[in-house]
Amino acid sequence: MTAVKITQVQHQQRRPRPFLDLAGFFLFFGISGVDQGREERMRRRFEAETFTHRVTAHVAPALPPGRYRLEGLPDEVARRPWVVERAGLAVATLSDDSWAAFQTWQRGGQLGVRAVPAPES
């Protein structure tokens, strides 16, 4: 458990790509089969449509690369893993509610959190 301080936050709203499901087209022409990767595609689609806010937080001191859970953030935000790829930059994707909770927390002035390594999922 490492105590870090969030020094700067950058926000980018992602637009999900349009989803094209051709299953009905193939079914109309009598082509059927087992869709091998459907569950994984649907999970990725759900995440892309739900977690549209990409948040990059600069943390000090810099954390080594890995996945972290930042304790001290609101519960909606702390549930999502924060990924550190480059030293000092933690990135997470948040939902609309999580982004609003994060902004409220940020305005409160308490920018100190505890970084706990998160298990790989």
PDB file of N, CA and C in Angstrom:
ATOM      1  N   MET A   1       0.849  -1.162   0.000  1.00  0.00           N
ATOM      2  CA  MET A   1       0.000   0.000   0.000  1.00  0.00           C
ATOM      3  C   MET A   1       0.900   1.231   0.000  1.00  0.00           C
ATOM      4  N   THR A   2       0.761   2.057  -1.030  1.00  0.00           N
ATOM      5  CA  THR A   2       1.588   3.241  -1.193  1.00  0.00           C
ATOM      6  C   THR A   2       0.710   4.484  -1.166  1.00  0.00           C
ATOM      7  N   ALA A   3       1.091   5.470  -0.371  1.00  0.00           N
ATOM      8  CA  ALA A   3       0.350   6.731  -0.345  1.00  0.00           C
ATOM      9  C   ALA A   3       0.818   7.594  -1.508  1.00  0.00           C
ATOM     10  N   VAL A   4      -0.129   8.038  -2.329  1.00  0.00           N
ATOM     11  CA  VAL A   4       0.182   8.899  -3.468  1.00  0.00           C
ATOM     12  C   VAL A   4      -0.774  10.083  -3.462  1.00  0.00           C
ATOM     13  N   LYS A   5      -0.389  11.110  -4.192  1.00  0.00           N
ATOM     14  CA  LYS A   5      -1.228  12.293  -4.321  1.00  0.00           C
ATOM     15  C   LYS A   5      -1.513  12.514  -5.794  1.00  0.00           C
ATOM     16  N   ILE A   6      -2.771  12.768  -6.118  1.00  0.00           N
ATOM     17  CA  ILE A   6      -3.152  13.063  -7.499  1.00  0.00           C
ATOM     18  C   ILE A   6      -2.879  14.542  -7.738  1.00  0.00           C
ATOM     19  N   THR A   7      -1.966  14.820  -8.672  1.00  0.00           N
ATOM     20  CA  THR A   7      -1.557  16.202  -8.906  1.00  0.00           C
ATOM     21  C   THR A   7      -2.284  16.854 -10.071  1.00  0.00           C
ATOM     22  N   GLN A   8      -2.663  16.084 -11.072  1.00  0.00           N
ATOM     23  CA  GLN A   8      -3.322  16.640 -12.249  1.00  0.00           C
ATOM     24  C   GLN A   8      -4.210  15.566 -12.864  1.00  0.00           C
ATOM     25  N   VAL A   9      -5.339  15.978 -13.427  1.00  0.00           N
ATOM     26  CA  VAL A   9      -6.273  15.028 -14.040  1.00  0.00           C
ATOM     27  C   VAL A   9      -6.630  15.510 -15.437  1.00  0.00           C
ATOM     28  N   GLN A  10      -6.586  14.583 -16.385  1.00  0.00           N
ATOM     29  CA  GLN A  10      -7.028  14.869 -17.746  1.00  0.00           C
ATOM     30  C   GLN A  10      -8.211  13.960 -18.044  1.00  0.00           C
ATOM     31  N   HIS A  11      -9.189  14.501 -18.752  1.00  0.00           N
ATOM     32  CA  HIS A  11     -10.415  13.763 -19.043  1.00  0.00           C
ATOM     33  C   HIS A  11     -10.664  13.756 -20.542  1.00  0.00           C
ATOM     34  N   GLN A  12     -11.094  12.616 -21.042  1.00  0.00           N
ATOM     35  CA  GLN A  12     -11.450  12.503 -22.453  1.00  0.00           C
ATOM     36  C   GLN A  12     -12.706  11.649 -22.547  1.00  0.00           C
ATOM     37  N   GLN A  13     -13.723  12.178 -23.211  1.00  0.00           N
ATOM     38  CA  GLN A  13     -14.953  11.407 -23.400  1.00  0.00           C
ATOM     39  C   GLN A  13     -14.814  10.609 -24.687  1.00  0.00           C
ATOM     40  N   ARG A  14     -14.949   9.300 -24.551  1.00  0.00           N
ATOM     41  CA  ARG A  14     -14.840   8.425 -25.721  1.00  0.00           C
ATOM     42  C   ARG A  14     -16.220   8.224 -26.324  1.00  0.00           C
ATOM     43  N   ARG A  15     -16.263   8.171 -27.631  1.00  0.00           N
ATOM     44  CA  ARG A  15     -17.508   7.830 -28.314  1.00  0.00           C
ATOM     45  C   ARG A  15     -17.431   6.379 -28.728  1.00  0.00           C
ATOM     46  N   PRO A  16     -18.396   5.572 -28.308  1.00  0.00           N
ATOM     47  CA  PRO A  16     -18.329   4.164 -28.706  1.00  0.00           C
ATOM     48  C   PRO A  16     -18.560   4.012 -30.210  1.00  0.00           C
ATOM     49  N   ARG A  17     -17.871   3.039 -30.777  1.00  0.00           N
ATOM     50  CA  ARG A  17     -18.051   2.744 -32.197  1.00  0.00           C
ATOM     51  C   ARG A  17     -19.424   2.129 -32.403  1.00  0.00           C
ATOM     52  N   PRO A  18     -20.000   2.332 -33.584  1.00  0.00           N
ATOM     53  CA  PRO A  18     -21.281   1.666 -33.846  1.00  0.00           C
ATOM     54  C   PRO A  18     -21.102   0.154 -33.866  1.00  0.00           C
ATOM     55  N   PHE A  19     -22.086  -0.528 -33.355  1.00  0.00           N
ATOM     56  CA  PHE A  19     -22.027  -1.985 -33.262  1.00  0.00           C
ATOM     57  C   PHE A  19     -22.896  -2.584 -34.355  1.00  0.00           C
ATOM     58  N   LEU A  20     -22.336  -3.433 -35.168  1.00  0.00           N
ATOM     59  CA  LEU A  20     -23.058  -4.083 -36.249  1.00  0.00           C
ATOM     60  C   LEU A  20     -23.145  -5.572 -35.951  1.00  0.00           C
ATOM     61  N   ASP A  21     -24.363  -6.046 -35.756  1.00  0.00           N
ATOM     62  CA  ASP A  21     -24.586  -7.460 -35.472  1.00  0.00           C
ATOM     63  C   ASP A  21     -25.203  -8.102 -36.709  1.00  0.00           C
ATOM     64  N   LEU A  22     -24.454  -8.972 -37.366  1.00  0.00           N
ATOM     65  CA  LEU A  22     -24.900  -9.596 -38.607  1.00  0.00           C
ATOM     66  C   LEU A  22     -25.625 -10.920 -38.394  1.00  0.00           C
ATOM     67  N   ALA A  23     -25.892 -11.292 -37.156  1.00  0.00           N
ATOM     68  CA  ALA A  23     -26.525 -12.583 -36.882  1.00  0.00           C
ATOM     69  C   ALA A  23     -27.890 -12.693 -37.555  1.00  0.00           C
ATOM     70  N   GLY A  24     -28.694 -11.632 -37.509  1.00  0.00           N
ATOM     71  CA  GLY A  24     -30.007 -11.656 -38.148  1.00  0.00           C
ATOM     72  C   GLY A  24     -29.918 -11.816 -39.656  1.00  0.00           C
ATOM     73  N   PHE A  25     -28.936 -11.181 -40.264  1.00  0.00           N
ATOM     74  CA  PHE A  25     -28.726 -11.287 -41.712  1.00  0.00           C
ATOM     75  C   PHE A  25     -28.428 -12.730 -42.104  1.00  0.00           C
ATOM     76  N   PHE A  26     -27.510 -13.351 -41.394  1.00  0.00           N
ATOM     77  CA  PHE A  26     -27.153 -14.726 -41.713  1.00  0.00           C
ATOM     78  C   PHE A  26     -28.305 -15.686 -41.415  1.00  0.00           C
ATOM     79  N   LEU A  27     -29.028 -15.421 -40.338  1.00  0.00           N
ATOM     80  CA  LEU A  27     -30.155 -16.274 -39.987  1.00  0.00           C
ATOM     81  C   LEU A  27     -31.246 -16.200 -41.056  1.00  0.00           C
ATOM     82  N   PHE A  28     -31.454 -15.024 -41.640  1.00  0.00           N
ATOM     83  CA  PHE A  28     -32.452 -14.845 -42.697  1.00  0.00           C
ATOM     84  C   PHE A  28     -32.156 -15.747 -43.893  1.00  0.00           C
ATOM     85  N   PHE A  29     -30.875 -15.899 -44.212  1.00  0.00           N
ATOM     86  CA  PHE A  29     -30.487 -16.727 -45.345  1.00  0.00           C
ATOM     87  C   PHE A  29     -30.235 -18.186 -44.956  1.00  0.00           C
ATOM     88  N   GLY A  30     -30.566 -18.540 -43.736  1.00  0.00           N
ATOM     89  CA  GLY A  30     -30.456 -19.925 -43.312  1.00  0.00           C
ATOM     90  C   GLY A  30     -29.060 -20.353 -42.926  1.00  0.00           C
ATOM     91  N   ILE A  31     -28.188 -19.399 -42.691  1.00  0.00           N
ATOM     92  CA  ILE A  31     -26.826 -19.726 -42.280  1.00  0.00           C
ATOM     93  C   ILE A  31     -26.783 -19.619 -40.761  1.00  0.00           C
ATOM     94  N   SER A  32     -26.547 -20.723 -40.113  1.00  0.00           N
ATOM     95  CA  SER A  32     -26.491 -20.683 -38.656  1.00  0.00           C
ATOM     96  C   SER A  32     -25.222 -21.379 -38.190  1.00  0.00           C
ATOM     97  N   GLY A  33     -24.942 -21.209 -36.969  1.00  0.00           N
ATOM     98  CA  GLY A  33     -23.756 -21.823 -36.399  1.00  0.00           C
ATOM     99  C   GLY A  33     -23.559 -21.333 -34.985  1.00  0.00           C
ATOM    100  N   VAL A  34     -22.468 -21.739 -34.410  1.00  0.00           N
ATOM    101  CA  VAL A  34     -22.151 -21.336 -33.050  1.00  0.00           C
ATOM    102  C   VAL A  34     -21.204 -20.146 -33.119  1.00  0.00           C
ATOM    103  N   ASP A  35     -21.600 -19.075 -32.473  1.00  0.00           N
ATOM    104  CA  ASP A  35     -20.774 -17.870 -32.428  1.00  0.00           C
ATOM    105  C   ASP A  35     -19.780 -18.029 -31.283  1.00  0.00           C
ATOM    106  N   GLN A  36     -18.532 -18.294 -31.619  1.00  0.00           N
ATOM    107  CA  GLN A  36     -17.526 -18.648 -30.612  1.00  0.00           C
ATOM    108  C   GLN A  36     -17.183 -17.506 -29.654  1.00  0.00           C
ATOM    109  N   GLY A  37     -16.987 -16.300 -30.166  1.00  0.00           N
ATOM    110  CA  GLY A  37     -16.510 -15.218 -29.301  1.00  0.00           C
ATOM    111  C   GLY A  37     -17.572 -14.215 -28.920  1.00  0.00           C
ATOM    112  N   ARG A  38     -18.836 -14.591 -28.963  1.00  0.00           N
ATOM    113  CA  ARG A  38     -19.923 -13.639 -28.739  1.00  0.00           C
ATOM    114  C   ARG A  38     -19.907 -13.057 -27.326  1.00  0.00           C
ATOM    115  N   GLU A  39     -19.707 -13.883 -26.316  1.00  0.00           N
ATOM    116  CA  GLU A  39     -19.732 -13.384 -24.935  1.00  0.00           C
ATOM    117  C   GLU A  39     -18.642 -12.344 -24.698  1.00  0.00           C
ATOM    118  N   GLU A  40     -17.450 -12.601 -25.212  1.00  0.00           N
ATOM    119  CA  GLU A  40     -16.351 -11.649 -25.051  1.00  0.00           C
ATOM    120  C   GLU A  40     -16.649 -10.352 -25.798  1.00  0.00           C
ATOM    121  N   ARG A  41     -17.203 -10.446 -27.007  1.00  0.00           N
ATOM    122  CA  ARG A  41     -17.562  -9.249 -27.775  1.00  0.00           C
ATOM    123  C   ARG A  41     -18.638  -8.443 -27.059  1.00  0.00           C
ATOM    124  N   MET A  42     -19.622  -9.127 -26.502  1.00  0.00           N
ATOM    125  CA  MET A  42     -20.696  -8.434 -25.792  1.00  0.00           C
ATOM    126  C   MET A  42     -20.175  -7.767 -24.520  1.00  0.00           C
ATOM    127  N   ARG A  43     -19.234  -8.407 -23.829  1.00  0.00           N
ATOM    128  CA  ARG A  43     -18.633  -7.792 -22.641  1.00  0.00           C
ATOM    129  C   ARG A  43     -17.864  -6.536 -23.017  1.00  0.00           C
ATOM    130  N   ARG A  44     -17.063  -6.616 -24.106  1.00  0.00           N
ATOM    131  CA  ARG A  44     -16.311  -5.441 -24.563  1.00  0.00           C
ATOM    132  C   ARG A  44     -17.247  -4.328 -25.023  1.00  0.00           C
ATOM    133  N   ARG A  45     -18.344  -4.706 -25.689  1.00  0.00           N
ATOM    134  CA  ARG A  45     -19.316  -3.704 -26.139  1.00  0.00           C
ATOM    135  C   ARG A  45     -19.950  -3.010 -24.939  1.00  0.00           C
ATOM    136  N   PHE A  46     -20.338  -3.798 -23.915  1.00  0.00           N
ATOM    137  CA  PHE A  46     -20.925  -3.220 -22.706  1.00  0.00           C
ATOM    138  C   PHE A  46     -19.962  -2.227 -22.061  1.00  0.00           C
ATOM    139  N   GLU A  47     -18.694  -2.619 -21.925  1.00  0.00           N
ATOM    140  CA  GLU A  47     -17.714  -1.719 -21.312  1.00  0.00           C
ATOM    141  C   GLU A  47     -17.510  -0.467 -22.147  1.00  0.00           C
ATOM    142  N   ALA A  48     -17.476  -0.604 -23.477  1.00  0.00           N
ATOM    143  CA  ALA A  48     -17.274   0.557 -24.345  1.00  0.00           C
ATOM    144  C   ALA A  48     -18.457   1.517 -24.273  1.00  0.00           C
ATOM    145  N   GLU A  49     -19.672   0.993 -24.125  1.00  0.00           N
ATOM    146  CA  GLU A  49     -20.856   1.846 -24.076  1.00  0.00           C
ATOM    147  C   GLU A  49     -21.104   2.421 -22.687  1.00  0.00           C
ATOM    148  N   THR A  50     -20.691   1.725 -21.643  1.00  0.00           N
ATOM    149  CA  THR A  50     -20.965   2.167 -20.278  1.00  0.00           C
ATOM    150  C   THR A  50     -19.864   3.060 -19.720  1.00  0.00           C
ATOM    151  N   PHE A  51     -18.615   2.665 -19.907  1.00  0.00           N
ATOM    152  CA  PHE A  51     -17.489   3.400 -19.331  1.00  0.00           C
ATOM    153  C   PHE A  51     -16.864   4.283 -20.410  1.00  0.00           C
ATOM    154  N   THR A  52     -17.505   5.434 -20.660  1.00  0.00           N
ATOM    155  CA  THR A  52     -17.102   6.295 -21.775  1.00  0.00           C
ATOM    156  C   THR A  52     -16.116   7.387 -21.380  1.00  0.00           C
ATOM    157  N   HIS A  53     -15.829   7.530 -20.114  1.00  0.00           N
ATOM    158  CA  HIS A  53     -14.917   8.586 -19.667  1.00  0.00           C
ATOM    159  C   HIS A  53     -13.535   7.988 -19.414  1.00  0.00           C
ATOM    160  N   ARG A  54     -12.545   8.459 -20.168  1.00  0.00           N
ATOM    161  CA  ARG A  54     -11.157   8.009 -19.978  1.00  0.00           C
ATOM    162  C   ARG A  54     -10.453   9.072 -19.144  1.00  0.00           C
ATOM    163  N   VAL A  55     -10.022   8.689 -17.961  1.00  0.00           N
ATOM    164  CA  VAL A  55      -9.417   9.627 -17.017  1.00  0.00           C
ATOM    165  C   VAL A  55      -7.955   9.256 -16.823  1.00  0.00           C
ATOM    166  N   THR A  56      -7.087  10.246 -17.014  1.00  0.00           N
ATOM    167  CA  THR A  56      -5.655  10.070 -16.780  1.00  0.00           C
ATOM    168  C   THR A  56      -5.270  10.933 -15.589  1.00  0.00           C
ATOM    169  N   ALA A  57      -4.740  10.311 -14.561  1.00  0.00           N
ATOM    170  CA  ALA A  57      -4.343  11.025 -13.348  1.00  0.00           C
ATOM    171  C   ALA A  57      -2.826  10.962 -13.199  1.00  0.00           C
ATOM    172  N   HIS A  58      -2.224  12.106 -12.973  1.00  0.00           N
ATOM    173  CA  HIS A  58      -0.794  12.171 -12.678  1.00  0.00           C
ATOM    174  C   HIS A  58      -0.650  11.978 -11.169  1.00  0.00           C
ATOM    175  N   VAL A  59       0.111  10.970 -10.776  1.00  0.00           N
ATOM    176  CA  VAL A  59       0.277  10.686  -9.354  1.00  0.00           C
ATOM    177  C   VAL A  59       1.730  10.910  -8.940  1.00  0.00           C
ATOM    178  N   ALA A  60       1.894  11.383  -7.713  1.00  0.00           N
ATOM    179  CA  ALA A  60       3.231  11.592  -7.165  1.00  0.00           C
ATOM    180  C   ALA A  60       3.249  10.988  -5.770  1.00  0.00           C
ATOM    181  N   PRO A  61       4.224  10.206  -5.408  1.00  0.00           N
ATOM    182  CA  PRO A  61       5.354   9.761  -6.222  1.00  0.00           C
ATOM    183  C   PRO A  61       4.899   8.771  -7.294  1.00  0.00           C
ATOM    184  N   ALA A  62       5.703   8.646  -8.339  1.00  0.00           N
ATOM    185  CA  ALA A  62       5.360   7.797  -9.479  1.00  0.00           C
ATOM    186  C   ALA A  62       5.264   6.330  -9.058  1.00  0.00           C
ATOM    187  N   LEU A  63       4.261   5.655  -9.577  1.00  0.00           N
ATOM    188  CA  LEU A  63       4.059   4.232  -9.288  1.00  0.00           C
ATOM    189  C   LEU A  63       4.698   3.388 -10.382  1.00  0.00           C
ATOM    190  N   PRO A  64       5.190   2.200 -10.043  1.00  0.00           N
ATOM    191  CA  PRO A  64       5.693   1.306 -11.091  1.00  0.00           C
ATOM    192  C   PRO A  64       4.526   0.787 -11.936  1.00  0.00           C
ATOM    193  N   PRO A  65       4.787   0.371 -13.175  1.00  0.00           N
ATOM    194  CA  PRO A  65       3.711  -0.120 -14.042  1.00  0.00           C
ATOM    195  C   PRO A  65       2.953  -1.289 -13.411  1.00  0.00           C
ATOM    196  N   GLY A  66       1.644  -1.317 -13.652  1.00  0.00           N
ATOM    197  CA  GLY A  66       0.788  -2.377 -13.131  1.00  0.00           C
ATOM    198  C   GLY A  66      -0.635  -1.889 -12.958  1.00  0.00           C
ATOM    199  N   ARG A  67      -1.479  -2.761 -12.405  1.00  0.00           N
ATOM    200  CA  ARG A  67      -2.882  -2.427 -12.136  1.00  0.00           C
ATOM    201  C   ARG A  67      -3.019  -2.116 -10.647  1.00  0.00           C
ATOM    202  N   TYR A  68      -3.738  -1.035 -10.337  1.00  0.00           N
ATOM    203  CA  TYR A  68      -3.894  -0.597  -8.956  1.00  0.00           C
ATOM    204  C   TYR A  68      -5.350  -0.291  -8.652  1.00  0.00           C
ATOM    205  N   ARG A  69      -5.677  -0.413  -7.377  1.00  0.00           N
ATOM    206  CA  ARG A  69      -6.944   0.062  -6.848  1.00  0.00           C
ATOM    207  C   ARG A  69      -6.592   1.260  -5.981  1.00  0.00           C
ATOM    208  N   LEU A  70      -7.206   2.405  -6.261  1.00  0.00           N
ATOM    209  CA  LEU A  70      -6.895   3.616  -5.505  1.00  0.00           C
ATOM    210  C   LEU A  70      -7.921   3.780  -4.391  1.00  0.00           C
ATOM    211  N   GLU A  71      -7.508   3.452  -3.169  1.00  0.00           N
ATOM    212  CA  GLU A  71      -8.388   3.582  -2.008  1.00  0.00           C
ATOM    213  C   GLU A  71      -8.384   5.033  -1.552  1.00  0.00           C
ATOM    214  N   GLY A  72      -9.536   5.495  -1.118  1.00  0.00           N
ATOM    215  CA  GLY A  72      -9.683   6.886  -0.723  1.00  0.00           C
ATOM    216  C   GLY A  72     -10.521   7.653  -1.730  1.00  0.00           C
ATOM    217  N   LEU A  73     -10.755   7.061  -2.891  1.00  0.00           N
ATOM    218  CA  LEU A  73     -11.653   7.642  -3.887  1.00  0.00           C
ATOM    219  C   LEU A  73     -13.081   7.209  -3.562  1.00  0.00           C
ATOM    220  N   PRO A  74     -14.090   7.859  -4.146  1.00  0.00           N
ATOM    221  CA  PRO A  74     -15.468   7.381  -3.943  1.00  0.00           C
ATOM    222  C   PRO A  74     -15.617   5.928  -4.395  1.00  0.00           C
ATOM    223  N   ASP A  75     -16.561   5.214  -3.809  1.00  0.00           N
ATOM    224  CA  ASP A  75     -16.740   3.785  -4.097  1.00  0.00           C
ATOM    225  C   ASP A  75     -16.951   3.497  -5.574  1.00  0.00           C
ATOM    226  N   GLU A  76     -17.728   4.352  -6.271  1.00  0.00           N
ATOM    227  CA  GLU A  76     -17.996   4.124  -7.690  1.00  0.00           C
ATOM    228  C   GLU A  76     -16.710   4.168  -8.505  1.00  0.00           C
ATOM    229  N   VAL A  77     -15.779   5.008  -8.088  1.00  0.00           N
ATOM    230  CA  VAL A  77     -14.517   5.183  -8.816  1.00  0.00           C
ATOM    231  C   VAL A  77     -13.507   4.120  -8.396  1.00  0.00           C
ATOM    232  N   ALA A  78     -13.480   3.783  -7.125  1.00  0.00           N
ATOM    233  CA  ALA A  78     -12.480   2.843  -6.609  1.00  0.00           C
ATOM    234  C   ALA A  78     -12.695   1.422  -7.122  1.00  0.00           C
ATOM    235  N   ARG A  79     -13.906   1.093  -7.584  1.00  0.00           N
ATOM    236  CA  ARG A  79     -14.170  -0.256  -8.097  1.00  0.00           C
ATOM    237  C   ARG A  79     -13.417  -0.547  -9.384  1.00  0.00           C
ATOM    238  N   ARG A  80     -13.214   0.462 -10.213  1.00  0.00           N
ATOM    239  CA  ARG A  80     -12.542   0.276 -11.498  1.00  0.00           C
ATOM    240  C   ARG A  80     -11.026   0.231 -11.286  1.00  0.00           C
ATOM    241  N   PRO A  81     -10.324  -0.633 -12.018  1.00  0.00           N
ATOM    242  CA  PRO A  81      -8.861  -0.671 -11.882  1.00  0.00           C
ATOM    243  C   PRO A  81      -8.214   0.536 -12.560  1.00  0.00           C
ATOM    244  N   TRP A  82      -7.147   1.008 -11.973  1.00  0.00           N
ATOM    245  CA  TRP A  82      -6.348   2.083 -12.562  1.00  0.00           C
ATOM    246  C   TRP A  82      -5.078   1.426 -13.083  1.00  0.00           C
ATOM    247  N   VAL A  83      -4.763   1.643 -14.344  1.00  0.00           N
ATOM    248  CA  VAL A  83      -3.622   1.005 -14.988  1.00  0.00           C
ATOM    249  C   VAL A  83      -2.502   2.028 -15.133  1.00  0.00           C
ATOM    250  N   VAL A  84      -1.334   1.679 -14.616  1.00  0.00           N
ATOM    251  CA  VAL A  84      -0.150   2.530 -14.754  1.00  0.00           C
ATOM    252  C   VAL A  84       0.752   1.871 -15.788  1.00  0.00           C
ATOM    253  N   GLU A  85       0.902   2.530 -16.939  1.00  0.00           N
ATOM    254  CA  GLU A  85       1.790   2.012 -17.981  1.00  0.00           C
ATOM    255  C   GLU A  85       3.113   2.762 -17.982  1.00  0.00           C
ATOM    256  N   ARG A  86       3.032   4.073 -17.831  1.00  0.00           N
ATOM    257  CA  ARG A  86       4.240   4.884 -17.702  1.00  0.00           C
ATOM    258  C   ARG A  86       4.277   5.422 -16.278  1.00  0.00           C
ATOM    259  N   ALA A  87       5.456   5.587 -15.771  1.00  0.00           N
ATOM    260  CA  ALA A  87       5.594   6.035 -14.383  1.00  0.00           C
ATOM    261  C   ALA A  87       4.883   7.372 -14.180  1.00  0.00           C
ATOM    262  N   GLY A  88       4.009   7.407 -13.202  1.00  0.00           N
ATOM    263  CA  GLY A  88       3.333   8.641 -12.845  1.00  0.00           C
ATOM    264  C   GLY A  88       1.993   8.869 -13.510  1.00  0.00           C
ATOM    265  N   LEU A  89       1.591   8.038 -14.480  1.00  0.00           N
ATOM    266  CA  LEU A  89       0.312   8.217 -15.166  1.00  0.00           C
ATOM    267  C   LEU A  89      -0.598   7.017 -14.908  1.00  0.00           C
ATOM    268  N   ALA A  90      -1.692   7.245 -14.209  1.00  0.00           N
ATOM    269  CA  ALA A  90      -2.675   6.196 -13.942  1.00  0.00           C
ATOM    270  C   ALA A  90      -3.904   6.471 -14.798  1.00  0.00           C
ATOM    271  N   VAL A  91      -4.373   5.456 -15.523  1.00  0.00           N
ATOM    272  CA  VAL A  91      -5.493   5.612 -16.453  1.00  0.00           C
ATOM    273  C   VAL A  91      -6.623   4.676 -16.049  1.00  0.00           C
ATOM    274  N   ALA A  92      -7.858   5.199 -16.079  1.00  0.00           N
ATOM    275  CA  ALA A  92      -9.046   4.385 -15.803  1.00  0.00           C
ATOM    276  C   ALA A  92     -10.172   4.833 -16.718  1.00  0.00           C
ATOM    277  N   THR A  93     -11.115   3.934 -16.958  1.00  0.00           N
ATOM    278  CA  THR A  93     -12.326   4.286 -17.695  1.00  0.00           C
ATOM    279  C   THR A  93     -13.478   4.285 -16.706  1.00  0.00           C
ATOM    280  N   LEU A  94     -14.258   5.372 -16.710  1.00  0.00           N
ATOM    281  CA  LEU A  94     -15.322   5.548 -15.735  1.00  0.00           C
ATOM    282  C   LEU A  94     -16.666   5.743 -16.420  1.00  0.00           C
ATOM    283  N   SER A  95     -17.730   5.392 -15.714  1.00  0.00           N
ATOM    284  CA  SER A  95     -19.086   5.636 -16.203  1.00  0.00           C
ATOM    285  C   SER A  95     -19.460   7.091 -15.911  1.00  0.00           C
ATOM    286  N   ASP A  96     -20.636   7.504 -16.365  1.00  0.00           N
ATOM    287  CA  ASP A  96     -21.086   8.878 -16.120  1.00  0.00           C
ATOM    288  C   ASP A  96     -21.203   9.165 -14.626  1.00  0.00           C
ATOM    289  N   ASP A  97     -21.788   8.227 -13.881  1.00  0.00           N
ATOM    290  CA  ASP A  97     -21.948   8.414 -12.434  1.00  0.00           C
ATOM    291  C   ASP A  97     -20.595   8.455 -11.726  1.00  0.00           C
ATOM    292  N   SER A  98     -19.694   7.579 -12.138  1.00  0.00           N
ATOM    293  CA  SER A  98     -18.361   7.544 -11.526  1.00  0.00           C
ATOM    294  C   SER A  98     -17.603   8.832 -11.810  1.00  0.00           C
ATOM    295  N   TRP A  99     -17.723   9.352 -13.031  1.00  0.00           N
ATOM    296  CA  TRP A  99     -17.030  10.595 -13.389  1.00  0.00           C
ATOM    297  C   TRP A  99     -17.574  11.756 -12.558  1.00  0.00           C
ATOM    298  N   ALA A 100     -18.896  11.817 -12.364  1.00  0.00           N
ATOM    299  CA  ALA A 100     -19.487  12.873 -11.540  1.00  0.00           C
ATOM    300  C   ALA A 100     -19.013  12.754 -10.090  1.00  0.00           C
ATOM    301  N   ALA A 101     -18.948  11.529  -9.565  1.00  0.00           N
ATOM    302  CA  ALA A 101     -18.469  11.324  -8.191  1.00  0.00           C
ATOM    303  C   ALA A 101     -16.997  11.713  -8.072  1.00  0.00           C
ATOM    304  N   PHE A 102     -16.203  11.402  -9.091  1.00  0.00           N
ATOM    305  CA  PHE A 102     -14.780  11.751  -9.069  1.00  0.00           C
ATOM    306  C   PHE A 102     -14.598  13.265  -9.079  1.00  0.00           C
ATOM    307  N   GLN A 103     -15.388  13.973  -9.894  1.00  0.00           N
ATOM    308  CA  GLN A 103     -15.293  15.433  -9.934  1.00  0.00           C
ATOM    309  C   GLN A 103     -15.672  16.049  -8.593  1.00  0.00           C
ATOM    310  N   THR A 104     -16.718  15.524  -7.967  1.00  0.00           N
ATOM    311  CA  THR A 104     -17.130  16.023  -6.656  1.00  0.00           C
ATOM    312  C   THR A 104     -16.031  15.787  -5.630  1.00  0.00           C
ATOM    313  N   TRP A 105     -15.433  14.603  -5.654  1.00  0.00           N
ATOM    314  CA  TRP A 105     -14.335  14.286  -4.732  1.00  0.00           C
ATOM    315  C   TRP A 105     -13.150  15.214  -4.978  1.00  0.00           C
ATOM    316  N   GLN A 106     -12.857  15.476  -6.245  1.00  0.00           N
ATOM    317  CA  GLN A 106     -11.716  16.323  -6.600  1.00  0.00           C
ATOM    318  C   GLN A 106     -11.928  17.757  -6.114  1.00  0.00           C
ATOM    319  N   ARG A 107     -13.156  18.261  -6.216  1.00  0.00           N
ATOM    320  CA  ARG A 107     -13.452  19.618  -5.746  1.00  0.00           C
ATOM    321  C   ARG A 107     -13.339  19.717  -4.229  1.00  0.00           C
ATOM    322  N   GLY A 108     -13.468  18.580  -3.535  1.00  0.00           N
ATOM    323  CA  GLY A 108     -13.362  18.569  -2.079  1.00  0.00           C
ATOM    324  C   GLY A 108     -11.965  18.885  -1.572  1.00  0.00           C
ATOM    325  N   GLY A 109     -10.954  18.744  -2.418  1.00  0.00           N
ATOM    326  CA  GLY A 109      -9.600  19.124  -2.045  1.00  0.00           C
ATOM    327  C   GLY A 109      -8.739  18.020  -1.477  1.00  0.00           C
ATOM    328  N   GLN A 110      -9.311  16.875  -1.113  1.00  0.00           N
ATOM    329  CA  GLN A 110      -8.503  15.767  -0.602  1.00  0.00           C
ATOM    330  C   GLN A 110      -7.993  14.971  -1.788  1.00  0.00           C
ATOM    331  N   LEU A 111      -6.747  15.152  -2.143  1.00  0.00           N
ATOM    332  CA  LEU A 111      -6.212  14.487  -3.323  1.00  0.00           C
ATOM    333  C   LEU A 111      -5.271  13.346  -2.967  1.00  0.00           C
ATOM    334  N   GLY A 112      -5.162  13.002  -1.698  1.00  0.00           N
ATOM    335  CA  GLY A 112      -4.318  11.891  -1.278  1.00  0.00           C
ATOM    336  C   GLY A 112      -5.088  10.581  -1.299  1.00  0.00           C
ATOM    337  N   VAL A 113      -4.488   9.555  -1.888  1.00  0.00           N
ATOM    338  CA  VAL A 113      -5.100   8.223  -1.957  1.00  0.00           C
ATOM    339  C   VAL A 113      -4.039   7.180  -1.644  1.00  0.00           C
ATOM    340  N   ARG A 114      -4.484   5.939  -1.465  1.00  0.00           N
ATOM    341  CA  ARG A 114      -3.574   4.823  -1.246  1.00  0.00           C
ATOM    342  C   ARG A 114      -3.655   3.898  -2.451  1.00  0.00           C
ATOM    343  N   ALA A 115      -2.523   3.597  -3.049  1.00  0.00           N
ATOM    344  CA  ALA A 115      -2.471   2.707  -4.215  1.00  0.00           C
ATOM    345  C   ALA A 115      -2.198   1.287  -3.747  1.00  0.00           C
ATOM    346  N   VAL A 116      -3.139   0.395  -4.034  1.00  0.00           N
ATOM    347  CA  VAL A 116      -3.025  -1.014  -3.667  1.00  0.00           C
ATOM    348  C   VAL A 116      -2.972  -1.822  -4.956  1.00  0.00           C
ATOM    349  N   PRO A 117      -1.954  -2.668  -5.138  1.00  0.00           N
ATOM    350  CA  PRO A 117      -1.910  -3.482  -6.362  1.00  0.00           C
ATOM    351  C   PRO A 117      -3.178  -4.326  -6.495  1.00  0.00           C
ATOM    352  N   ALA A 118      -3.778  -4.276  -7.682  1.00  0.00           N
ATOM    353  CA  ALA A 118      -5.009  -5.030  -7.951  1.00  0.00           C
ATOM    354  C   ALA A 118      -4.658  -6.338  -8.636  1.00  0.00           C
ATOM    355  N   PRO A 119      -5.394  -7.386  -8.328  1.00  0.00           N
ATOM    356  CA  PRO A 119      -5.129  -8.667  -9.002  1.00  0.00           C
ATOM    357  C   PRO A 119      -5.501  -8.569 -10.477  1.00  0.00           C
ATOM    358  N   GLU A 120      -4.768  -9.291 -11.308  1.00  0.00           N
ATOM    359  CA  GLU A 120      -5.075  -9.330 -12.744  1.00  0.00           C
ATOM    360  C   GLU A 120      -6.370 -10.091 -12.940  1.00  0.00           C
ATOM    361  N   SER A 121      -7.217  -9.571 -13.829  1.00  0.00           N
ATOM    362  CA  SER A 121      -8.491 -10.262 -14.076  1.00  0.00           C
ATOM    363  C   SER A 121      -8.550 -10.811 -15.470  1.00  0.00           C
TER     364      SER A 121
END
